[in-house]
Each structure stands twice: as structure tokens, then as C-alpha cells.
N, C-alpha and C. Protein backbone atom coordinates (compact mmCIF):
# COMPACT_ATOMS: atom_id res chain seq x y z
N MET A 1 0.82 -0.75 0.20
CA MET A 1 0.24 0.09 0.06
C MET A 1 0.92 1.24 0.27
N LEU A 2 0.39 1.48 -0.56
CA LEU A 2 1.36 3.25 -0.81
C LEU A 2 0.93 4.24 0.78
N ASN A 3 2.00 4.85 0.99
CA ASN A 3 1.89 5.85 2.14
C ASN A 3 1.79 7.28 1.66
N GLN A 4 1.80 8.29 2.85
CA GLN A 4 1.13 9.35 2.47
C GLN A 4 2.37 9.67 1.66
N GLN A 5 3.47 9.84 2.32
CA GLN A 5 4.96 10.82 0.66
C GLN A 5 4.34 10.07 -0.61
N TYR A 6 4.42 8.97 -0.71
CA TYR A 6 4.35 8.39 -2.18
C TYR A 6 2.77 9.17 -2.41
N ASN A 7 1.41 9.39 -1.65
CA ASN A 7 0.77 9.87 -2.55
C ASN A 7 1.00 11.48 -2.93
N GLU A 8 1.55 12.20 -1.63
CA GLU A 8 1.85 13.43 -1.39
C GLU A 8 2.57 13.84 -3.15
N CYS A 9 3.36 12.95 -3.09
CA CYS A 9 4.82 13.17 -4.12
C CYS A 9 3.90 12.93 -5.18
N ILE A 10 3.35 11.65 -5.42
CA ILE A 10 2.65 11.58 -6.71
C ILE A 10 1.03 12.82 -7.22
N ARG A 11 0.54 13.51 -6.13
CA ARG A 11 -0.31 14.65 -6.63
C ARG A 11 1.00 16.20 -6.86
N ALA A 12 2.22 15.70 -6.24
CA ALA A 12 3.04 17.08 -6.86
C ALA A 12 3.19 16.88 -8.35
N CYS A 13 3.29 15.46 -8.71
CA CYS A 13 4.20 15.39 -9.74
C CYS A 13 3.07 15.13 -10.83
N LEU A 14 1.65 15.19 -10.29
CA LEU A 14 0.09 15.37 -11.67
C LEU A 14 0.26 16.78 -11.91
N GLU A 15 -0.10 17.50 -10.67
CA GLU A 15 -0.01 18.61 -10.83
C GLU A 15 1.34 19.40 -11.81
N CYS A 16 2.00 19.05 -11.42
CA CYS A 16 3.49 19.44 -12.61
C CYS A 16 3.26 19.49 -13.61
N VAL A 17 3.07 18.08 -14.06
CA VAL A 17 2.43 17.47 -15.99
C VAL A 17 1.33 18.62 -15.64
N GLU A 18 -0.11 18.86 -15.75
CA GLU A 18 -0.32 19.40 -15.63
C GLU A 18 0.23 21.14 -15.94
N ALA A 19 0.56 21.34 -15.21
CA ALA A 19 1.12 23.32 -15.57
C ALA A 19 2.49 23.26 -15.94
N CYS A 20 3.19 22.53 -16.24
CA CYS A 20 4.07 21.43 -17.90
C CYS A 20 3.41 21.58 -19.43
N ASN A 21 2.51 21.05 -19.29
CA ASN A 21 1.77 21.18 -20.49
C ASN A 21 0.90 22.61 -20.49
N ALA A 22 0.77 23.40 -19.83
CA ALA A 22 -0.49 24.52 -20.09
C ALA A 22 0.95 25.47 -19.84
N CYS A 23 2.39 25.30 -19.60
CA CYS A 23 3.52 26.01 -20.08
C CYS A 23 3.74 25.92 -21.42
N TYR A 24 4.32 24.88 -21.91
CA TYR A 24 4.07 24.16 -22.76
C TYR A 24 3.15 25.11 -24.70
N ASN A 25 2.11 24.25 -23.97
CA ASN A 25 1.31 25.05 -24.79
C ASN A 25 1.29 27.01 -25.34
N ALA A 26 1.33 27.58 -23.69
CA ALA A 26 1.58 28.30 -24.27
C ALA A 26 2.22 29.21 -25.06
N CYS A 27 3.61 28.73 -24.91
CA CYS A 27 4.60 28.73 -24.92
C CYS A 27 4.45 28.65 -26.53
N LEU A 28 4.72 27.92 -26.79
CA LEU A 28 3.61 27.81 -28.53
C LEU A 28 3.48 28.67 -29.35
N LYS A 29 2.15 29.37 -28.29
CA LYS A 29 1.68 30.86 -28.69
C LYS A 29 1.79 31.72 -28.74
N GLU A 30 3.55 32.14 -27.62
CA GLU A 30 4.46 33.03 -28.22
C GLU A 30 4.79 33.57 -29.00
N GLU A 31 4.65 35.11 -29.60
CA GLU A 31 5.40 36.11 -30.36
C GLU A 31 6.87 35.31 -30.67
N ASP A 32 7.35 35.22 -29.47
CA ASP A 32 8.97 34.63 -30.14
C ASP A 32 9.52 33.13 -29.12
N VAL A 33 8.98 32.68 -30.13
CA VAL A 33 9.19 31.07 -29.74
C VAL A 33 10.33 30.47 -30.06
N THR A 34 10.73 31.28 -31.19
CA THR A 34 12.30 30.76 -30.62
C THR A 34 13.01 31.32 -30.14
N MET A 35 12.77 32.19 -28.79
CA MET A 35 12.91 32.75 -27.09
C MET A 35 13.04 31.24 -26.07
N MET A 36 11.70 30.96 -26.72
CA MET A 36 10.43 30.20 -25.31
C MET A 36 11.15 28.82 -25.35
N SER A 37 12.16 28.21 -26.76
CA SER A 37 12.65 26.64 -26.78
C SER A 37 12.61 25.61 -26.23
N ASN A 38 13.76 26.67 -25.13
CA ASN A 38 14.26 25.99 -23.64
C ASN A 38 13.47 25.93 -23.18
N CYS A 39 12.90 26.71 -22.96
CA CYS A 39 11.19 26.20 -21.64
C CYS A 39 10.77 25.13 -22.80
N ILE A 40 10.11 25.35 -23.23
CA ILE A 40 9.12 24.65 -24.58
C ILE A 40 9.86 22.83 -24.19
N ARG A 41 11.28 22.45 -24.69
CA ARG A 41 11.90 22.15 -24.68
C ARG A 41 12.09 21.18 -23.13
N LEU A 42 12.30 21.43 -22.21
CA LEU A 42 12.12 21.00 -20.40
C LEU A 42 10.60 21.17 -20.32
N ASP A 43 9.59 21.67 -20.61
CA ASP A 43 8.28 21.59 -20.23
C ASP A 43 8.09 20.32 -20.96
N ARG A 44 8.20 19.48 -21.86
CA ARG A 44 7.86 18.18 -22.50
C ARG A 44 8.90 17.21 -21.89
N GLU A 45 9.98 17.31 -21.15
CA GLU A 45 11.06 16.54 -20.58
C GLU A 45 10.40 16.28 -19.23
N CYS A 46 9.82 17.64 -18.32
CA CYS A 46 9.43 17.49 -17.61
C CYS A 46 8.12 16.71 -16.70
N ALA A 47 6.80 17.30 -17.42
CA ALA A 47 6.24 16.89 -17.95
C ALA A 47 6.00 14.94 -18.08
N ASP A 48 7.13 14.70 -18.95
CA ASP A 48 7.13 13.27 -18.85
C ASP A 48 7.73 12.43 -17.90
N ILE A 49 9.15 12.81 -17.72
CA ILE A 49 9.41 11.92 -16.23
C ILE A 49 8.34 12.59 -15.04
N CYS A 50 7.95 13.36 -14.71
CA CYS A 50 6.44 13.42 -13.79
C CYS A 50 5.32 12.17 -13.26
N ASN A 51 5.46 12.40 -15.14
CA ASN A 51 3.92 10.86 -15.66
C ASN A 51 4.33 9.37 -15.55
N PHE A 52 5.99 9.57 -15.57
CA PHE A 52 6.94 8.21 -15.15
C PHE A 52 7.16 7.85 -13.72
N ALA A 53 7.62 9.27 -12.95
CA ALA A 53 7.73 9.10 -11.65
C ALA A 53 6.35 8.39 -10.74
N ALA A 54 5.12 9.59 -11.39
CA ALA A 54 4.13 8.99 -10.37
C ALA A 54 3.70 8.00 -11.08
N LYS A 55 3.91 6.94 -11.89
CA LYS A 55 3.50 5.48 -12.22
C LYS A 55 4.36 4.66 -11.60
N ALA A 56 5.35 4.52 -11.52
CA ALA A 56 6.76 4.04 -10.56
C ALA A 56 6.55 4.12 -8.85
N MET A 57 5.41 5.42 -8.78
CA MET A 57 5.26 5.46 -7.32
C MET A 57 4.17 4.77 -7.27
N GLN A 58 3.09 4.43 -8.07
CA GLN A 58 2.12 4.19 -7.89
C GLN A 58 2.50 2.88 -8.46
N SER A 59 3.46 2.61 -9.00
CA SER A 59 2.91 0.56 -8.91
C SER A 59 3.95 0.09 -8.37
N ASN A 60 5.06 0.58 -6.95
CA ASN A 60 5.22 0.84 -6.08
C ASN A 60 7.22 -0.15 -7.03
N SER A 61 7.26 0.05 -7.56
CA SER A 61 8.99 -0.01 -8.60
C SER A 61 9.82 0.76 -7.85
N PRO A 62 10.60 -0.59 -7.94
CA PRO A 62 12.09 -0.93 -7.06
C PRO A 62 12.75 0.71 -7.12
N PHE A 63 12.45 1.05 -7.92
CA PHE A 63 13.06 2.23 -8.98
C PHE A 63 13.04 3.47 -8.80
N ALA A 64 11.29 3.27 -7.87
CA ALA A 64 10.79 4.47 -7.25
C ALA A 64 11.57 6.05 -7.18
N GLU A 65 12.68 5.48 -5.98
CA GLU A 65 13.93 6.00 -5.21
C GLU A 65 13.93 7.27 -6.42
N GLN A 66 14.95 6.36 -7.12
CA GLN A 66 16.25 6.32 -8.18
C GLN A 66 15.27 7.53 -9.24
N ILE A 67 14.18 6.99 -9.98
CA ILE A 67 13.73 8.13 -10.59
C ILE A 67 12.78 8.89 -10.14
N CYS A 68 12.49 9.09 -9.06
CA CYS A 68 12.03 10.32 -8.28
C CYS A 68 13.94 11.10 -7.93
N LYS A 69 14.30 10.94 -7.59
CA LYS A 69 15.72 11.75 -7.59
C LYS A 69 15.91 12.44 -9.07
N LEU A 70 16.13 11.64 -9.99
CA LEU A 70 16.27 12.43 -11.86
C LEU A 70 15.10 13.20 -11.74
N CYS A 71 13.77 12.68 -11.11
CA CYS A 71 12.34 14.23 -11.29
C CYS A 71 12.76 15.36 -10.88
N ALA A 72 13.29 15.26 -9.56
CA ALA A 72 13.70 16.09 -8.37
C ALA A 72 14.47 17.25 -9.28
N GLU A 73 15.46 16.69 -10.50
CA GLU A 73 16.46 17.31 -11.35
C GLU A 73 15.79 18.22 -12.34
N ILE A 74 15.57 17.13 -13.27
CA ILE A 74 14.64 17.64 -14.28
C ILE A 74 14.01 18.64 -13.97
N CYS A 75 12.52 18.54 -13.11
CA CYS A 75 12.02 19.41 -12.38
C CYS A 75 12.49 21.03 -11.87
N GLU A 76 13.72 20.75 -10.88
CA GLU A 76 14.27 22.36 -11.36
C GLU A 76 15.13 23.20 -11.87
N ALA A 77 15.28 22.39 -13.32
CA ALA A 77 16.16 22.57 -14.39
C ALA A 77 15.02 23.66 -15.21
N CYS A 78 13.64 23.09 -15.03
CA CYS A 78 12.75 23.17 -15.27
C CYS A 78 12.20 24.02 -14.94
N GLY A 79 11.96 24.40 -13.39
CA GLY A 79 11.30 25.85 -12.74
C GLY A 79 12.31 26.78 -12.67
N LYS A 80 13.75 26.42 -12.84
CA LYS A 80 14.54 27.92 -13.08
C LYS A 80 14.37 28.31 -14.47
N GLU A 81 14.12 27.16 -15.96
CA GLU A 81 14.17 28.07 -16.52
C GLU A 81 12.59 28.85 -16.82
N CYS A 82 11.58 28.54 -16.42
CA CYS A 82 10.47 28.92 -16.46
C CYS A 82 11.06 30.68 -15.81
N GLU A 83 11.51 30.52 -14.52
CA GLU A 83 11.99 31.62 -14.14
C GLU A 83 12.19 33.38 -14.34
N LYS A 84 12.60 32.22 -15.43
CA LYS A 84 13.41 33.36 -16.32
C LYS A 84 12.37 34.16 -17.27
N HIS A 85 11.33 33.95 -16.62
CA HIS A 85 10.75 34.91 -18.02
C HIS A 85 9.57 35.02 -18.08
N GLU A 86 8.81 36.15 -18.20
CA GLU A 86 7.60 36.78 -17.56
C GLU A 86 6.40 36.57 -17.60
N HIS A 87 6.60 35.06 -18.78
CA HIS A 87 4.63 34.98 -18.91
C HIS A 87 4.25 34.13 -17.14
N ASP A 88 2.99 34.74 -17.24
CA ASP A 88 2.08 34.18 -15.79
C ASP A 88 2.39 32.55 -15.94
N HIS A 89 2.03 32.01 -16.98
CA HIS A 89 1.85 30.44 -17.59
C HIS A 89 4.02 30.44 -17.14
N CYS A 90 4.37 30.79 -17.28
CA CYS A 90 5.83 30.52 -17.07
C CYS A 90 6.30 30.07 -15.41
N LYS A 91 5.20 31.56 -15.02
CA LYS A 91 5.53 32.04 -13.67
C LYS A 91 5.15 30.57 -13.03
N LYS A 92 3.83 29.46 -13.14
CA LYS A 92 2.48 28.92 -12.44
C LYS A 92 3.81 27.37 -11.96
N CYS A 93 4.02 27.63 -14.23
CA CYS A 93 5.33 25.84 -14.36
C CYS A 93 6.10 25.89 -13.03
N ALA A 94 7.16 26.83 -13.21
CA ALA A 94 8.00 27.56 -11.81
C ALA A 94 7.95 27.24 -10.62
N GLU A 95 6.36 27.29 -9.72
CA GLU A 95 6.51 27.14 -8.63
C GLU A 95 5.70 25.91 -8.26
N SER A 96 5.44 25.30 -9.69
CA SER A 96 4.88 23.72 -9.42
C SER A 96 5.83 22.75 -9.58
N CYS A 97 7.07 22.97 -10.45
CA CYS A 97 8.51 22.91 -10.84
C CYS A 97 9.28 22.38 -9.62
N PHE A 98 9.58 23.62 -8.64
CA PHE A 98 9.71 23.55 -7.28
C PHE A 98 8.84 22.57 -6.01
N ARG A 99 7.97 22.83 -6.68
CA ARG A 99 6.62 22.05 -5.63
C ARG A 99 7.21 20.44 -5.80
N CYS A 100 6.92 20.49 -6.89
CA CYS A 100 7.25 18.70 -7.41
C CYS A 100 9.23 18.12 -7.28
N ALA A 101 9.96 19.28 -7.51
CA ALA A 101 11.18 18.95 -7.01
C ALA A 101 11.69 18.48 -5.45
N ASP A 102 10.44 19.62 -4.89
CA ASP A 102 10.94 19.31 -3.38
C ASP A 102 10.39 18.00 -2.64
N ALA A 103 8.76 17.97 -3.15
CA ALA A 103 8.83 16.67 -2.85
C ALA A 103 8.93 15.26 -4.08
N CYS A 104 9.69 15.17 -4.72
CA CYS A 104 10.19 13.69 -5.30
C CYS A 104 11.82 13.80 -4.36
N ARG A 105 12.07 14.39 -4.03
CA ARG A 105 13.34 15.05 -2.74
C ARG A 105 13.05 14.27 -1.80
N LYS A 106 12.25 14.35 -1.02
CA LYS A 106 11.87 13.26 0.07
C LYS A 106 11.78 12.31 0.02
N ILE A 107 11.08 11.69 -1.27
CA ILE A 107 10.77 10.66 -1.87
C ILE A 107 12.35 9.42 -2.40
N ALA A 108 13.34 10.61 -2.80
CA ALA A 108 14.37 9.98 -3.35
C ALA A 108 15.53 10.19 -1.81
């Protein structure tokens, strides 16, 4: 059975997936998409690893701790990139990424 820490981390990961997907879609609509290319790339990578981490915890994978460690690193990188931009969607994404990174570090 999943413990409370896993449940909190899964929730943070899934919220981060939503924030990254929203940011990704909004970045594609920005005037200077080229300027947003790093943000777009990291949004995709972050959403993917967060989905993977949530699934690993849900299935009680023996690799959940290592996956969460990598997830925290990618979330941190995505958050730092999003922080560089003034767009509201980037600010919200950065906040979600940092929350997820903290939650994943507790698992790792």
C-alpha cells in the first residue's frame, strides 16, 4: 500500500504535468517562439518524467527512489528556466516544478 509521502509526491507530480503542459502550449503561442525553445523543451521533458515518476510510485516500483531523484533534477531545471520568463504561465509552471522537486527529494 502506498504511504502518505508517496501520495503527496504523486499529487505534486501530476500537478506539475498539468502546469508543464499548460506552459508548453502557451509558449508555442508566444510571439517569439524561438526565445521560448528551452522552456518548451524542458516543459516536455519535465511532464514526461513526472508522469513516469507518478506511475513508478503508483506501481511501487523498486526504482521509484532513483526515478524521483532524476525527476527532482529535471523539475528544478525546468523551474529555473521558467523563472527567467515574465509570462504568467511560466511563473505558475516554475512554482509547480519547485514544489514537485521538493516532494520528489523527500522520496529520493
